[in-house]
Amino acid sequence: MKTTFTEEGNTYVMSFEGRLDTAASAQTEKEMKVLNDCEGHDIILDCTQLSYISSSGLRLFLGLLKSAKSKGSTVTVRGLSPALRQIFDEIGFSHLFQMI
């Protein structure tokens, strides 16, 4: 699992590459910590290169959403594969996150 943090204007972008499974979630959570300080910044989670996400990875996304919303920021998920998009649809995440 590889993550990359960038800024696009006033937006924080975290890109994910590989499998966000239980084994990778602890390290990924540390790398996502910078997003928790998002006050004044919206967030994009770029999943274009994400091949798999486990329940622990979904928990990270949900925790980030709650933190961002409390600070007035939005979280957008972009680039989900059809298989991952189906998971987000089935568990209701498509209604929680902005999707592009």
PDB file of N, CA and C in Angstrom:
ATOM      1  N   MET A   1       0.850  -1.184   0.000  1.00  0.00           N
ATOM      2  CA  MET A   1       0.000   0.000   0.000  1.00  0.00           C
ATOM      3  C   MET A   1       0.881   1.228   0.000  1.00  0.00           C
ATOM      4  N   LYS A   2       0.598   2.124  -0.916  1.00  0.00           N
ATOM      5  CA  LYS A   2       1.342   3.374  -1.014  1.00  0.00           C
ATOM      6  C   LYS A   2       0.354   4.530  -0.986  1.00  0.00           C
ATOM      7  N   THR A   3       0.672   5.547  -0.199  1.00  0.00           N
ATOM      8  CA  THR A   3      -0.139   6.762  -0.194  1.00  0.00           C
ATOM      9  C   THR A   3       0.744   7.939  -0.587  1.00  0.00           C
ATOM     10  N   THR A   4       0.117   8.904  -1.223  1.00  0.00           N
ATOM     11  CA  THR A   4       0.814  10.124  -1.606  1.00  0.00           C
ATOM     12  C   THR A   4      -0.061  11.307  -1.232  1.00  0.00           C
ATOM     13  N   PHE A   5       0.522  12.274  -0.521  1.00  0.00           N
ATOM     14  CA  PHE A   5      -0.191  13.483  -0.113  1.00  0.00           C
ATOM     15  C   PHE A   5       0.268  14.645  -0.973  1.00  0.00           C
ATOM     16  N   THR A   6      -0.695  15.384  -1.532  1.00  0.00           N
ATOM     17  CA  THR A   6      -0.398  16.596  -2.286  1.00  0.00           C
ATOM     18  C   THR A   6      -1.448  17.651  -1.962  1.00  0.00           C
ATOM     19  N   GLU A   7      -1.178  18.856  -2.372  1.00  0.00           N
ATOM     20  CA  GLU A   7      -2.156  19.935  -2.260  1.00  0.00           C
ATOM     21  C   GLU A   7      -2.473  20.432  -3.665  1.00  0.00           C
ATOM     22  N   GLU A   8      -3.762  20.561  -3.933  1.00  0.00           N
ATOM     23  CA  GLU A   8      -4.234  21.143  -5.195  1.00  0.00           C
ATOM     24  C   GLU A   8      -4.984  22.408  -4.831  1.00  0.00           C
ATOM     25  N   GLY A   9      -4.298  23.516  -4.892  1.00  0.00           N
ATOM     26  CA  GLY A   9      -4.899  24.767  -4.454  1.00  0.00           C
ATOM     27  C   GLY A   9      -5.189  24.706  -2.975  1.00  0.00           C
ATOM     28  N   ASN A  10      -6.456  24.867  -2.613  1.00  0.00           N
ATOM     29  CA  ASN A  10      -6.868  24.853  -1.209  1.00  0.00           C
ATOM     30  C   ASN A  10      -7.429  23.486  -0.801  1.00  0.00           C
ATOM     31  N   THR A  11      -7.068  22.444  -1.563  1.00  0.00           N
ATOM     32  CA  THR A  11      -7.598  21.108  -1.320  1.00  0.00           C
ATOM     33  C   THR A  11      -6.459  20.139  -1.025  1.00  0.00           C
ATOM     34  N   TYR A  12      -6.639  19.344   0.008  1.00  0.00           N
ATOM     35  CA  TYR A  12      -5.696  18.261   0.317  1.00  0.00           C
ATOM     36  C   TYR A  12      -6.097  17.033  -0.483  1.00  0.00           C
ATOM     37  N   VAL A  13      -5.122  16.371  -1.092  1.00  0.00           N
ATOM     38  CA  VAL A  13      -5.380  15.166  -1.877  1.00  0.00           C
ATOM     39  C   VAL A  13      -4.519  14.033  -1.336  1.00  0.00           C
ATOM     40  N   MET A  14      -5.157  12.921  -1.019  1.00  0.00           N
ATOM     41  CA  MET A  14      -4.439  11.710  -0.625  1.00  0.00           C
ATOM     42  C   MET A  14      -4.742  10.659  -1.687  1.00  0.00           C
ATOM     43  N   SER A  15      -3.687  10.177  -2.345  1.00  0.00           N
ATOM     44  CA  SER A  15      -3.827   9.148  -3.372  1.00  0.00           C
ATOM     45  C   SER A  15      -3.424   7.807  -2.773  1.00  0.00           C
ATOM     46  N   PHE A  16      -4.181   6.781  -3.135  1.00  0.00           N
ATOM     47  CA  PHE A  16      -3.956   5.431  -2.629  1.00  0.00           C
ATOM     48  C   PHE A  16      -3.594   4.516  -3.792  1.00  0.00           C
ATOM     49  N   GLU A  17      -2.588   3.671  -3.557  1.00  0.00           N
ATOM     50  CA  GLU A  17      -2.161   2.734  -4.594  1.00  0.00           C
ATOM     51  C   GLU A  17      -1.971   1.360  -3.967  1.00  0.00           C
ATOM     52  N   GLY A  18      -2.661   0.375  -4.512  1.00  0.00           N
ATOM     53  CA  GLY A  18      -2.524  -0.985  -4.003  1.00  0.00           C
ATOM     54  C   GLY A  18      -3.743  -1.419  -3.217  1.00  0.00           C
ATOM     55  N   ARG A  19      -3.495  -2.210  -2.167  1.00  0.00           N
ATOM     56  CA  ARG A  19      -4.563  -2.806  -1.362  1.00  0.00           C
ATOM     57  C   ARG A  19      -4.590  -2.164   0.025  1.00  0.00           C
ATOM     58  N   LEU A  20      -5.706  -1.555   0.351  1.00  0.00           N
ATOM     59  CA  LEU A  20      -5.900  -0.996   1.686  1.00  0.00           C
ATOM     60  C   LEU A  20      -6.614  -2.066   2.521  1.00  0.00           C
ATOM     61  N   ASP A  21      -5.814  -3.014   2.999  1.00  0.00           N
ATOM     62  CA  ASP A  21      -6.353  -4.116   3.786  1.00  0.00           C
ATOM     63  C   ASP A  21      -6.016  -3.914   5.260  1.00  0.00           C
ATOM     64  N   THR A  22      -6.373  -4.875   6.068  1.00  0.00           N
ATOM     65  CA  THR A  22      -6.158  -4.769   7.510  1.00  0.00           C
ATOM     66  C   THR A  22      -4.683  -4.580   7.834  1.00  0.00           C
ATOM     67  N   ALA A  23      -3.822  -5.300   7.145  1.00  0.00           N
ATOM     68  CA  ALA A  23      -2.383  -5.204   7.402  1.00  0.00           C
ATOM     69  C   ALA A  23      -1.839  -3.805   7.095  1.00  0.00           C
ATOM     70  N   ALA A  24      -2.390  -3.147   6.089  1.00  0.00           N
ATOM     71  CA  ALA A  24      -1.903  -1.826   5.674  1.00  0.00           C
ATOM     72  C   ALA A  24      -2.595  -0.680   6.406  1.00  0.00           C
ATOM     73  N   SER A  25      -3.687  -0.958   7.095  1.00  0.00           N
ATOM     74  CA  SER A  25      -4.493   0.132   7.635  1.00  0.00           C
ATOM     75  C   SER A  25      -3.799   0.917   8.747  1.00  0.00           C
ATOM     76  N   ALA A  26      -2.997   0.275   9.578  1.00  0.00           N
ATOM     77  CA  ALA A  26      -2.333   1.009  10.667  1.00  0.00           C
ATOM     78  C   ALA A  26      -1.373   2.055  10.113  1.00  0.00           C
ATOM     79  N   GLN A  27      -0.545   1.669   9.144  1.00  0.00           N
ATOM     80  CA  GLN A  27       0.389   2.617   8.544  1.00  0.00           C
ATOM     81  C   GLN A  27      -0.360   3.690   7.755  1.00  0.00           C
ATOM     82  N   THR A  28      -1.391   3.282   7.036  1.00  0.00           N
ATOM     83  CA  THR A  28      -2.179   4.239   6.256  1.00  0.00           C
ATOM     84  C   THR A  28      -2.842   5.260   7.166  1.00  0.00           C
ATOM     85  N   GLU A  29      -3.311   4.814   8.322  1.00  0.00           N
ATOM     86  CA  GLU A  29      -3.929   5.735   9.283  1.00  0.00           C
ATOM     87  C   GLU A  29      -2.929   6.802   9.722  1.00  0.00           C
ATOM     88  N   LYS A  30      -1.684   6.410   9.956  1.00  0.00           N
ATOM     89  CA  LYS A  30      -0.641   7.381  10.323  1.00  0.00           C
ATOM     90  C   LYS A  30      -0.407   8.376   9.194  1.00  0.00           C
ATOM     91  N   GLU A  31      -0.379   7.865   7.969  1.00  0.00           N
ATOM     92  CA  GLU A  31      -0.132   8.728   6.823  1.00  0.00           C
ATOM     93  C   GLU A  31      -1.306   9.670   6.548  1.00  0.00           C
ATOM     94  N   MET A  32      -2.508   9.258   6.937  1.00  0.00           N
ATOM     95  CA  MET A  32      -3.692  10.099   6.745  1.00  0.00           C
ATOM     96  C   MET A  32      -3.845  11.150   7.842  1.00  0.00           C
ATOM     97  N   LYS A  33      -3.012  11.092   8.867  1.00  0.00           N
ATOM     98  CA  LYS A  33      -3.125  12.021   9.994  1.00  0.00           C
ATOM     99  C   LYS A  33      -3.090  13.481   9.546  1.00  0.00           C
ATOM    100  N   VAL A  34      -2.300  13.777   8.539  1.00  0.00           N
ATOM    101  CA  VAL A  34      -2.212  15.146   8.027  1.00  0.00           C
ATOM    102  C   VAL A  34      -3.582  15.655   7.566  1.00  0.00           C
ATOM    103  N   LEU A  35      -4.446  14.743   7.129  1.00  0.00           N
ATOM    104  CA  LEU A  35      -5.776  15.142   6.668  1.00  0.00           C
ATOM    105  C   LEU A  35      -6.687  15.530   7.819  1.00  0.00           C
ATOM    106  N   ASN A  36      -6.396  15.041   9.004  1.00  0.00           N
ATOM    107  CA  ASN A  36      -7.224  15.383  10.161  1.00  0.00           C
ATOM    108  C   ASN A  36      -7.071  16.846  10.567  1.00  0.00           C
ATOM    109  N   ASP A  37      -6.005  17.488  10.093  1.00  0.00           N
ATOM    110  CA  ASP A  37      -5.794  18.910  10.343  1.00  0.00           C
ATOM    111  C   ASP A  37      -6.260  19.710   9.129  1.00  0.00           C
ATOM    112  N   CYS A  38      -7.457  19.398   8.656  1.00  0.00           N
ATOM    113  CA  CYS A  38      -7.942  19.904   7.370  1.00  0.00           C
ATOM    114  C   CYS A  38      -8.681  21.229   7.470  1.00  0.00           C
ATOM    115  N   GLU A  39      -8.729  21.829   8.634  1.00  0.00           N
ATOM    116  CA  GLU A  39      -9.535  23.039   8.787  1.00  0.00           C
ATOM    117  C   GLU A  39      -9.193  24.060   7.707  1.00  0.00           C
ATOM    118  N   GLY A  40     -10.209  24.458   6.976  1.00  0.00           N
ATOM    119  CA  GLY A  40     -10.013  25.403   5.885  1.00  0.00           C
ATOM    120  C   GLY A  40      -9.664  24.753   4.562  1.00  0.00           C
ATOM    121  N   HIS A  41      -9.561  23.422   4.547  1.00  0.00           N
ATOM    122  CA  HIS A  41      -9.218  22.682   3.335  1.00  0.00           C
ATOM    123  C   HIS A  41     -10.244  21.583   3.108  1.00  0.00           C
ATOM    124  N   ASP A  42     -10.655  21.425   1.864  1.00  0.00           N
ATOM    125  CA  ASP A  42     -11.453  20.267   1.510  1.00  0.00           C
ATOM    126  C   ASP A  42     -10.493  19.128   1.187  1.00  0.00           C
ATOM    127  N   ILE A  43     -11.016  17.907   1.133  1.00  0.00           N
ATOM    128  CA  ILE A  43     -10.180  16.718   0.974  1.00  0.00           C
ATOM    129  C   ILE A  43     -10.681  15.895  -0.204  1.00  0.00           C
ATOM    130  N   ILE A  44      -9.742  15.400  -1.002  1.00  0.00           N
ATOM    131  CA  ILE A  44     -10.045  14.433  -2.050  1.00  0.00           C
ATOM    132  C   ILE A  44      -9.268  13.162  -1.734  1.00  0.00           C
ATOM    133  N   LEU A  45      -9.976  12.043  -1.696  1.00  0.00           N
ATOM    134  CA  LEU A  45      -9.356  10.729  -1.561  1.00  0.00           C
ATOM    135  C   LEU A  45      -9.324  10.124  -2.957  1.00  0.00           C
ATOM    136  N   ASP A  46      -8.150  10.093  -3.559  1.00  0.00           N
ATOM    137  CA  ASP A  46      -7.995   9.622  -4.936  1.00  0.00           C
ATOM    138  C   ASP A  46      -7.757   8.114  -4.919  1.00  0.00           C
ATOM    139  N   CYS A  47      -8.746   7.375  -5.392  1.00  0.00           N
ATOM    140  CA  CYS A  47      -8.713   5.906  -5.359  1.00  0.00           C
ATOM    141  C   CYS A  47      -8.474   5.310  -6.739  1.00  0.00           C
ATOM    142  N   THR A  48      -7.955   6.094  -7.652  1.00  0.00           N
ATOM    143  CA  THR A  48      -7.741   5.648  -9.022  1.00  0.00           C
ATOM    144  C   THR A  48      -6.869   4.392  -9.072  1.00  0.00           C
ATOM    145  N   GLN A  49      -5.868   4.302  -8.203  1.00  0.00           N
ATOM    146  CA  GLN A  49      -4.944   3.162  -8.194  1.00  0.00           C
ATOM    147  C   GLN A  49      -5.216   2.201  -7.040  1.00  0.00           C
ATOM    148  N   LEU A  50      -6.348   2.368  -6.356  1.00  0.00           N
ATOM    149  CA  LEU A  50      -6.707   1.487  -5.244  1.00  0.00           C
ATOM    150  C   LEU A  50      -7.378   0.235  -5.807  1.00  0.00           C
ATOM    151  N   SER A  51      -6.821  -0.932  -5.482  1.00  0.00           N
ATOM    152  CA  SER A  51      -7.362  -2.175  -6.032  1.00  0.00           C
ATOM    153  C   SER A  51      -8.279  -2.908  -5.063  1.00  0.00           C
ATOM    154  N   TYR A  52      -8.193  -2.591  -3.767  1.00  0.00           N
ATOM    155  CA  TYR A  52      -8.987  -3.304  -2.762  1.00  0.00           C
ATOM    156  C   TYR A  52      -9.089  -2.433  -1.517  1.00  0.00           C
ATOM    157  N   ILE A  53     -10.223  -2.517  -0.825  1.00  0.00           N
ATOM    158  CA  ILE A  53     -10.366  -1.840   0.458  1.00  0.00           C
ATOM    159  C   ILE A  53     -11.125  -2.769   1.411  1.00  0.00           C
ATOM    160  N   SER A  54     -10.567  -2.977   2.587  1.00  0.00           N
ATOM    161  CA  SER A  54     -11.189  -3.840   3.592  1.00  0.00           C
ATOM    162  C   SER A  54     -12.065  -2.989   4.515  1.00  0.00           C
ATOM    163  N   SER A  55     -12.724  -3.649   5.440  1.00  0.00           N
ATOM    164  CA  SER A  55     -13.556  -2.915   6.399  1.00  0.00           C
ATOM    165  C   SER A  55     -12.716  -1.963   7.239  1.00  0.00           C
ATOM    166  N   SER A  56     -11.470  -2.315   7.534  1.00  0.00           N
ATOM    167  CA  SER A  56     -10.635  -1.395   8.306  1.00  0.00           C
ATOM    168  C   SER A  56     -10.250  -0.174   7.474  1.00  0.00           C
ATOM    169  N   GLY A  57     -10.091  -0.337   6.183  1.00  0.00           N
ATOM    170  CA  GLY A  57      -9.851   0.807   5.312  1.00  0.00           C
ATOM    171  C   GLY A  57     -11.073   1.698   5.202  1.00  0.00           C
ATOM    172  N   LEU A  58     -12.244   1.084   5.107  1.00  0.00           N
ATOM    173  CA  LEU A  58     -13.488   1.849   5.079  1.00  0.00           C
ATOM    174  C   LEU A  58     -13.677   2.629   6.375  1.00  0.00           C
ATOM    175  N   ARG A  59     -13.271   2.034   7.494  1.00  0.00           N
ATOM    176  CA  ARG A  59     -13.347   2.713   8.788  1.00  0.00           C
ATOM    177  C   ARG A  59     -12.480   3.969   8.783  1.00  0.00           C
ATOM    178  N   LEU A  60     -11.298   3.904   8.162  1.00  0.00           N
ATOM    179  CA  LEU A  60     -10.432   5.084   8.064  1.00  0.00           C
ATOM    180  C   LEU A  60     -11.115   6.201   7.277  1.00  0.00           C
ATOM    181  N   PHE A  61     -11.747   5.845   6.170  1.00  0.00           N
ATOM    182  CA  PHE A  61     -12.444   6.836   5.358  1.00  0.00           C
ATOM    183  C   PHE A  61     -13.577   7.477   6.158  1.00  0.00           C
ATOM    184  N   LEU A  62     -14.346   6.655   6.866  1.00  0.00           N
ATOM    185  CA  LEU A  62     -15.475   7.168   7.642  1.00  0.00           C
ATOM    186  C   LEU A  62     -15.003   8.060   8.780  1.00  0.00           C
ATOM    187  N   GLY A  63     -13.946   7.668   9.471  1.00  0.00           N
ATOM    188  CA  GLY A  63     -13.396   8.495  10.547  1.00  0.00           C
ATOM    189  C   GLY A  63     -12.923   9.844  10.035  1.00  0.00           C
ATOM    190  N   LEU A  64     -12.292   9.840   8.879  1.00  0.00           N
ATOM    191  CA  LEU A  64     -11.844  11.093   8.273  1.00  0.00           C
ATOM    192  C   LEU A  64     -13.028  11.973   7.913  1.00  0.00           C
ATOM    193  N   LEU A  65     -14.080  11.372   7.375  1.00  0.00           N
ATOM    194  CA  LEU A  65     -15.276  12.135   7.018  1.00  0.00           C
ATOM    195  C   LEU A  65     -15.869  12.818   8.240  1.00  0.00           C
ATOM    196  N   LYS A  66     -15.985  12.096   9.331  1.00  0.00           N
ATOM    197  CA  LYS A  66     -16.535  12.682  10.554  1.00  0.00           C
ATOM    198  C   LYS A  66     -15.677  13.834  11.048  1.00  0.00           C
ATOM    199  N   SER A  67     -14.360  13.649  11.031  1.00  0.00           N
ATOM    200  CA  SER A  67     -13.448  14.699  11.474  1.00  0.00           C
ATOM    201  C   SER A  67     -13.542  15.930  10.575  1.00  0.00           C
ATOM    202  N   ALA A  68     -13.566  15.716   9.277  1.00  0.00           N
ATOM    203  CA  ALA A  68     -13.614  16.831   8.325  1.00  0.00           C
ATOM    204  C   ALA A  68     -14.924  17.598   8.443  1.00  0.00           C
ATOM    205  N   LYS A  69     -16.035  16.878   8.539  1.00  0.00           N
ATOM    206  CA  LYS A  69     -17.339  17.541   8.652  1.00  0.00           C
ATOM    207  C   LYS A  69     -17.409  18.418   9.893  1.00  0.00           C
ATOM    208  N   SER A  70     -16.813  17.966  10.974  1.00  0.00           N
ATOM    209  CA  SER A  70     -16.845  18.763  12.208  1.00  0.00           C
ATOM    210  C   SER A  70     -16.071  20.066  12.055  1.00  0.00           C
ATOM    211  N   LYS A  71     -15.203  20.143  11.041  1.00  0.00           N
ATOM    212  CA  LYS A  71     -14.407  21.341  10.792  1.00  0.00           C
ATOM    213  C   LYS A  71     -14.923  22.127   9.597  1.00  0.00           C
ATOM    214  N   GLY A  72     -16.052  21.685   9.035  1.00  0.00           N
ATOM    215  CA  GLY A  72     -16.644  22.387   7.909  1.00  0.00           C
ATOM    216  C   GLY A  72     -16.029  22.048   6.563  1.00  0.00           C
ATOM    217  N   SER A  73     -15.284  20.969   6.502  1.00  0.00           N
ATOM    218  CA  SER A  73     -14.649  20.554   5.253  1.00  0.00           C
ATOM    219  C   SER A  73     -15.451  19.444   4.594  1.00  0.00           C
ATOM    220  N   THR A  74     -15.250  19.288   3.292  1.00  0.00           N
ATOM    221  CA  THR A  74     -15.895  18.198   2.562  1.00  0.00           C
ATOM    222  C   THR A  74     -14.853  17.137   2.207  1.00  0.00           C
ATOM    223  N   VAL A  75     -15.326  15.916   2.027  1.00  0.00           N
ATOM    224  CA  VAL A  75     -14.463  14.817   1.590  1.00  0.00           C
ATOM    225  C   VAL A  75     -15.069  14.238   0.316  1.00  0.00           C
ATOM    226  N   THR A  76     -14.266  14.221  -0.732  1.00  0.00           N
ATOM    227  CA  THR A  76     -14.684  13.686  -2.018  1.00  0.00           C
ATOM    228  C   THR A  76     -13.843  12.458  -2.332  1.00  0.00           C
ATOM    229  N   VAL A  77     -14.494  11.412  -2.816  1.00  0.00           N
ATOM    230  CA  VAL A  77     -13.799  10.211  -3.260  1.00  0.00           C
ATOM    231  C   VAL A  77     -13.838  10.207  -4.781  1.00  0.00           C
ATOM    232  N   ARG A  78     -12.665  10.062  -5.391  1.00  0.00           N
ATOM    233  CA  ARG A  78     -12.626  10.037  -6.852  1.00  0.00           C
ATOM    234  C   ARG A  78     -11.885   8.798  -7.350  1.00  0.00           C
ATOM    235  N   GLY A  79     -12.282   8.381  -8.539  1.00  0.00           N
ATOM    236  CA  GLY A  79     -11.555   7.337  -9.237  1.00  0.00           C
ATOM    237  C   GLY A  79     -11.801   5.918  -8.775  1.00  0.00           C
ATOM    238  N   LEU A  80     -12.949   5.654  -8.153  1.00  0.00           N
ATOM    239  CA  LEU A  80     -13.227   4.281  -7.727  1.00  0.00           C
ATOM    240  C   LEU A  80     -13.447   3.379  -8.938  1.00  0.00           C
ATOM    241  N   SER A  81     -12.885   2.183  -8.888  1.00  0.00           N
ATOM    242  CA  SER A  81     -13.159   1.185  -9.921  1.00  0.00           C
ATOM    243  C   SER A  81     -14.615   0.760  -9.783  1.00  0.00           C
ATOM    244  N   PRO A  82     -15.179   0.141 -10.818  1.00  0.00           N
ATOM    245  CA  PRO A  82     -16.567  -0.327 -10.703  1.00  0.00           C
ATOM    246  C   PRO A  82     -16.785  -1.272  -9.511  1.00  0.00           C
ATOM    247  N   ALA A  83     -15.834  -2.139  -9.231  1.00  0.00           N
ATOM    248  CA  ALA A  83     -15.977  -3.074  -8.107  1.00  0.00           C
ATOM    249  C   ALA A  83     -15.989  -2.338  -6.767  1.00  0.00           C
ATOM    250  N   LEU A  84     -15.091  -1.369  -6.607  1.00  0.00           N
ATOM    251  CA  LEU A  84     -15.066  -0.609  -5.356  1.00  0.00           C
ATOM    252  C   LEU A  84     -16.284   0.307  -5.258  1.00  0.00           C
ATOM    253  N   ARG A  85     -16.718   0.849  -6.373  1.00  0.00           N
ATOM    254  CA  ARG A  85     -17.914   1.692  -6.376  1.00  0.00           C
ATOM    255  C   ARG A  85     -19.130   0.882  -5.920  1.00  0.00           C
ATOM    256  N   GLN A  86     -19.193  -0.374  -6.325  1.00  0.00           N
ATOM    257  CA  GLN A  86     -20.298  -1.233  -5.911  1.00  0.00           C
ATOM    258  C   GLN A  86     -20.282  -1.442  -4.396  1.00  0.00           C
ATOM    259  N   ILE A  87     -19.104  -1.614  -3.827  1.00  0.00           N
ATOM    260  CA  ILE A  87     -18.992  -1.757  -2.369  1.00  0.00           C
ATOM    261  C   ILE A  87     -19.495  -0.487  -1.692  1.00  0.00           C
ATOM    262  N   PHE A  88     -19.058   0.668  -2.164  1.00  0.00           N
ATOM    263  CA  PHE A  88     -19.491   1.942  -1.574  1.00  0.00           C
ATOM    264  C   PHE A  88     -21.003   2.097  -1.689  1.00  0.00           C
ATOM    265  N   ASP A  89     -21.569   1.676  -2.827  1.00  0.00           N
ATOM    266  CA  ASP A  89     -23.019   1.749  -3.015  1.00  0.00           C
ATOM    267  C   ASP A  89     -23.747   0.823  -2.040  1.00  0.00           C
ATOM    268  N   GLU A  90     -23.262  -0.399  -1.916  1.00  0.00           N
ATOM    269  CA  GLU A  90     -23.934  -1.404  -1.086  1.00  0.00           C
ATOM    270  C   GLU A  90     -23.943  -1.050   0.401  1.00  0.00           C
ATOM    271  N   ILE A  91     -22.883  -0.414   0.867  1.00  0.00           N
ATOM    272  CA  ILE A  91     -22.833  -0.095   2.306  1.00  0.00           C
ATOM    273  C   ILE A  91     -23.297   1.333   2.610  1.00  0.00           C
ATOM    274  N   GLY A  92     -23.693   2.058   1.576  1.00  0.00           N
ATOM    275  CA  GLY A  92     -24.242   3.381   1.780  1.00  0.00           C
ATOM    276  C   GLY A  92     -23.235   4.519   1.805  1.00  0.00           C
ATOM    277  N   PHE A  93     -21.968   4.215   1.553  1.00  0.00           N
ATOM    278  CA  PHE A  93     -20.953   5.270   1.550  1.00  0.00           C
ATOM    279  C   PHE A  93     -21.148   6.245   0.396  1.00  0.00           C
ATOM    280  N   SER A  94     -21.764   5.804  -0.682  1.00  0.00           N
ATOM    281  CA  SER A  94     -21.997   6.699  -1.819  1.00  0.00           C
ATOM    282  C   SER A  94     -22.891   7.869  -1.447  1.00  0.00           C
ATOM    283  N   HIS A  95     -23.694   7.690  -0.412  1.00  0.00           N
ATOM    284  CA  HIS A  95     -24.581   8.767   0.053  1.00  0.00           C
ATOM    285  C   HIS A  95     -23.898   9.647   1.089  1.00  0.00           C
ATOM    286  N   LEU A  96     -22.806   9.171   1.669  1.00  0.00           N
ATOM    287  CA  LEU A  96     -22.098   9.946   2.686  1.00  0.00           C
ATOM    288  C   LEU A  96     -21.019  10.841   2.089  1.00  0.00           C
ATOM    289  N   PHE A  97     -20.320  10.306   1.104  1.00  0.00           N
ATOM    290  CA  PHE A  97     -19.198  11.025   0.484  1.00  0.00           C
ATOM    291  C   PHE A  97     -19.647  11.648  -0.831  1.00  0.00           C
ATOM    292  N   GLN A  98     -19.002  12.753  -1.193  1.00  0.00           N
ATOM    293  CA  GLN A  98     -19.144  13.263  -2.544  1.00  0.00           C
ATOM    294  C   GLN A  98     -18.334  12.327  -3.424  1.00  0.00           C
ATOM    295  N   MET A  99     -18.879  11.947  -4.574  1.00  0.00           N
ATOM    296  CA  MET A  99     -18.230  10.984  -5.455  1.00  0.00           C
ATOM    297  C   MET A  99     -17.999  11.601  -6.834  1.00  0.00           C
ATOM    298  N   ILE A 100     -16.768  11.475  -7.328  1.00  0.00           N
ATOM    299  CA  ILE A 100     -16.466  11.902  -8.705  1.00  0.00           C
ATOM    300  C   ILE A 100     -15.642  10.837  -9.376  1.00  0.00           C
TER     301      ILE A 100
END
